[in-house]
Amino acid sequence: MHRGNVLVKRTKEEFIYFRFNNKDYHIKTYGVQATIVDFTLSRVTQKESHCLSHLDLNNLPWLFKGKGDIQFDVYRSMKNATKSEWHKFTPFTNVLWVNYLTVKTKIKGS
């Protein structure tokens, strides 16, 4: 993931609404709407067949050996969080990427 995965646009909507785990949420927009997209490290289940598609990062060992950018630390943290079971939903990995984006945005803005 990288900053290019974050789409930001202005909105006139005061709130955005969404449903997660059968619970409704509304969040104040402050005039900005952000969407995170990442097709490389995502997982998806096809609704009708329940077929799961994902990228098994165990097949990319070089990804965990990188140095010089916190992005590689995130990959290693993801590996620990998922216990290398990339097919499972592990929401903590999303927290790792939000933290990464926060740090990178802060560095870029300095």
C-alpha atoms as a PDB file:
ATOM      1  CA  MET A   1       0.000   0.000   0.000  1.00  0.00           C
ATOM      2  CA  HIS A   2       1.081   3.571  -0.577  1.00  0.00           C
ATOM      3  CA  ARG A   3      -0.385   7.063  -0.568  1.00  0.00           C
ATOM      4  CA  GLY A   4      -1.655   6.472  -4.099  1.00  0.00           C
ATOM      5  CA  ASN A   5      -4.127   4.000  -2.594  1.00  0.00           C
ATOM      6  CA  VAL A   6      -5.919   6.826  -0.774  1.00  0.00           C
ATOM      7  CA  LEU A   7      -8.517   8.672  -2.818  1.00  0.00           C
ATOM      8  CA  VAL A   8      -9.617  12.003  -1.343  1.00  0.00           C
ATOM      9  CA  LYS A   9     -12.322  14.341  -2.565  1.00  0.00           C
ATOM     10  CA  ARG A  10     -14.378  17.213  -1.238  1.00  0.00           C
ATOM     11  CA  THR A  11     -17.989  16.479  -0.386  1.00  0.00           C
ATOM     12  CA  LYS A  12     -21.045  18.549   0.469  1.00  0.00           C
ATOM     13  CA  GLU A  13     -22.417  15.688   2.553  1.00  0.00           C
ATOM     14  CA  GLU A  14     -22.273  16.393   6.274  1.00  0.00           C
ATOM     15  CA  PHE A  15     -22.047  12.691   7.166  1.00  0.00           C
ATOM     16  CA  ILE A  16     -21.121   9.451   5.450  1.00  0.00           C
ATOM     17  CA  TYR A  17     -23.124   6.381   6.306  1.00  0.00           C
ATOM     18  CA  PHE A  18     -22.070   2.757   6.177  1.00  0.00           C
ATOM     19  CA  ARG A  19     -22.888  -0.626   7.652  1.00  0.00           C
ATOM     20  CA  PHE A  20     -20.307  -2.969   9.153  1.00  0.00           C
ATOM     21  CA  ASN A  21     -21.043  -6.243  10.952  1.00  0.00           C
ATOM     22  CA  ASN A  22     -24.777  -5.477  10.783  1.00  0.00           C
ATOM     23  CA  LYS A  23     -24.301  -2.190  12.609  1.00  0.00           C
ATOM     24  CA  ASP A  24     -24.998   1.224  11.079  1.00  0.00           C
ATOM     25  CA  TYR A  25     -22.455   4.029  11.417  1.00  0.00           C
ATOM     26  CA  HIS A  26     -22.399   7.696  10.489  1.00  0.00           C
ATOM     27  CA  ILE A  27     -19.260   9.787  10.533  1.00  0.00           C
ATOM     28  CA  LYS A  28     -18.942  13.548  10.163  1.00  0.00           C
ATOM     29  CA  THR A  29     -17.075  14.367   6.932  1.00  0.00           C
ATOM     30  CA  TYR A  30     -15.831  17.889   7.660  1.00  0.00           C
ATOM     31  CA  GLY A  31     -16.207  18.342   3.903  1.00  0.00           C
ATOM     32  CA  VAL A  32     -13.778  15.564   2.960  1.00  0.00           C
ATOM     33  CA  GLN A  33     -14.362  11.982   1.879  1.00  0.00           C
ATOM     34  CA  ALA A  34     -11.488   9.484   1.776  1.00  0.00           C
ATOM     35  CA  THR A  35     -11.541   6.014   0.267  1.00  0.00           C
ATOM     36  CA  ILE A  36      -8.742   3.472   0.572  1.00  0.00           C
ATOM     37  CA  VAL A  37      -8.260   1.092  -2.347  1.00  0.00           C
ATOM     38  CA  ASP A  38      -5.696  -1.679  -2.545  1.00  0.00           C
ATOM     39  CA  PHE A  39      -6.063  -4.501  -5.021  1.00  0.00           C
ATOM     40  CA  THR A  40      -2.607  -6.017  -4.562  1.00  0.00           C
ATOM     41  CA  LEU A  41      -2.756  -7.138  -0.934  1.00  0.00           C
ATOM     42  CA  SER A  42      -6.530  -7.462  -0.660  1.00  0.00           C
ATOM     43  CA  ARG A  43      -8.698 -10.491  -0.228  1.00  0.00           C
ATOM     44  CA  VAL A  44     -12.196 -10.906  -1.635  1.00  0.00           C
ATOM     45  CA  THR A  45     -14.919 -13.534  -1.362  1.00  0.00           C
ATOM     46  CA  GLN A  46     -17.223 -14.034  -4.335  1.00  0.00           C
ATOM     47  CA  LYS A  47     -20.762 -13.755  -2.982  1.00  0.00           C
ATOM     48  CA  GLU A  48     -22.490 -16.579  -4.866  1.00  0.00           C
ATOM     49  CA  SER A  49     -19.750 -19.228  -4.788  1.00  0.00           C
ATOM     50  CA  HIS A  50     -18.081 -18.113  -1.529  1.00  0.00           C
ATOM     51  CA  CYS A  51     -14.791 -18.514  -3.380  1.00  0.00           C
ATOM     52  CA  LEU A  52     -11.962 -16.620  -1.664  1.00  0.00           C
ATOM     53  CA  SER A  53      -9.268 -14.927  -3.717  1.00  0.00           C
ATOM     54  CA  HIS A  54      -6.155 -13.583  -2.059  1.00  0.00           C
ATOM     55  CA  LEU A  55      -2.453 -13.130  -2.618  1.00  0.00           C
ATOM     56  CA  ASP A  56      -0.429 -15.567  -0.524  1.00  0.00           C
ATOM     57  CA  LEU A  57       2.442 -13.376   0.597  1.00  0.00           C
ATOM     58  CA  ASN A  58       4.323 -16.462   1.780  1.00  0.00           C
ATOM     59  CA  ASN A  59       5.211 -16.849  -1.909  1.00  0.00           C
ATOM     60  CA  LEU A  60       6.976 -13.459  -1.839  1.00  0.00           C
ATOM     61  CA  PRO A  61       9.721 -13.914   0.787  1.00  0.00           C
ATOM     62  CA  TRP A  62      11.676 -10.896  -0.524  1.00  0.00           C
ATOM     63  CA  LEU A  63       8.816  -8.692   0.669  1.00  0.00           C
ATOM     64  CA  PHE A  64       9.770  -9.296   4.296  1.00  0.00           C
ATOM     65  CA  LYS A  65      13.482  -8.615   3.823  1.00  0.00           C
ATOM     66  CA  GLY A  66      13.221  -5.003   2.670  1.00  0.00           C
ATOM     67  CA  LYS A  67      15.030  -2.193   4.467  1.00  0.00           C
ATOM     68  CA  GLY A  68      14.977   1.591   4.354  1.00  0.00           C
ATOM     69  CA  ASP A  69      11.234   2.267   4.482  1.00  0.00           C
ATOM     70  CA  ILE A  70       8.639   1.639   7.167  1.00  0.00           C
ATOM     71  CA  GLN A  71       6.559  -0.092   4.498  1.00  0.00           C
ATOM     72  CA  PHE A  72       8.756  -3.173   4.941  1.00  0.00           C
ATOM     73  CA  ASP A  73       8.252  -3.040   8.709  1.00  0.00           C
ATOM     74  CA  VAL A  74       4.513  -3.105   8.037  1.00  0.00           C
ATOM     75  CA  TYR A  75       4.880  -6.240   5.906  1.00  0.00           C
ATOM     76  CA  ARG A  76       6.768  -7.953   8.729  1.00  0.00           C
ATOM     77  CA  SER A  77       4.156  -6.825  11.270  1.00  0.00           C
ATOM     78  CA  MET A  78       1.412  -8.110   8.976  1.00  0.00           C
ATOM     79  CA  LYS A  79       3.130 -11.476   8.778  1.00  0.00           C
ATOM     80  CA  ASN A  80       3.185 -11.663  12.586  1.00  0.00           C
ATOM     81  CA  ALA A  81      -0.422 -10.483  12.923  1.00  0.00           C
ATOM     82  CA  THR A  82      -1.747 -12.963  10.359  1.00  0.00           C
ATOM     83  CA  LYS A  83       0.512 -15.797  11.538  1.00  0.00           C
ATOM     84  CA  SER A  84       1.238 -16.140   7.795  1.00  0.00           C
ATOM     85  CA  GLU A  85      -2.383 -17.196   7.202  1.00  0.00           C
ATOM     86  CA  TRP A  86      -3.090 -14.620   4.506  1.00  0.00           C
ATOM     87  CA  HIS A  87      -6.527 -15.994   3.656  1.00  0.00           C
ATOM     88  CA  LYS A  88      -7.942 -15.018   7.069  1.00  0.00           C
ATOM     89  CA  PHE A  89      -9.508 -11.631   7.786  1.00  0.00           C
ATOM     90  CA  THR A  90      -7.155  -9.866  10.187  1.00  0.00           C
ATOM     91  CA  PRO A  91      -8.444  -6.317  10.734  1.00  0.00           C
ATOM     92  CA  PHE A  92      -5.327  -5.301  12.654  1.00  0.00           C
ATOM     93  CA  THR A  93      -3.459  -5.213   9.339  1.00  0.00           C
ATOM     94  CA  ASN A  94      -5.712  -2.303   8.354  1.00  0.00           C
ATOM     95  CA  VAL A  95      -4.596  -0.470  11.494  1.00  0.00           C
ATOM     96  CA  LEU A  96      -0.972  -1.069  10.502  1.00  0.00           C
ATOM     97  CA  TRP A  97      -1.580   0.525   7.094  1.00  0.00           C
ATOM     98  CA  VAL A  98      -3.489   3.498   8.508  1.00  0.00           C
ATOM     99  CA  ASN A  99      -0.548   4.085  10.844  1.00  0.00           C
ATOM    100  CA  TYR A 100       1.843   3.799   7.885  1.00  0.00           C
ATOM    101  CA  LEU A 101      -0.163   6.363   5.913  1.00  0.00           C
ATOM    102  CA  THR A 102      -0.235   8.696   8.911  1.00  0.00           C
ATOM    103  CA  VAL A 103       3.534   8.483   9.359  1.00  0.00           C
ATOM    104  CA  LYS A 104       4.253   8.905   5.635  1.00  0.00           C
ATOM    105  CA  THR A 105       1.874  11.856   5.351  1.00  0.00           C
ATOM    106  CA  LYS A 106       3.470  13.460   8.398  1.00  0.00           C
ATOM    107  CA  ILE A 107       6.963  12.975   6.919  1.00  0.00           C
ATOM    108  CA  LYS A 108       5.864  14.338   3.535  1.00  0.00           C
ATOM    109  CA  GLY A 109       4.185  17.327   5.207  1.00  0.00           C
ATOM    110  CA  SER A 110       7.235  18.206   7.326  1.00  0.00           C
END
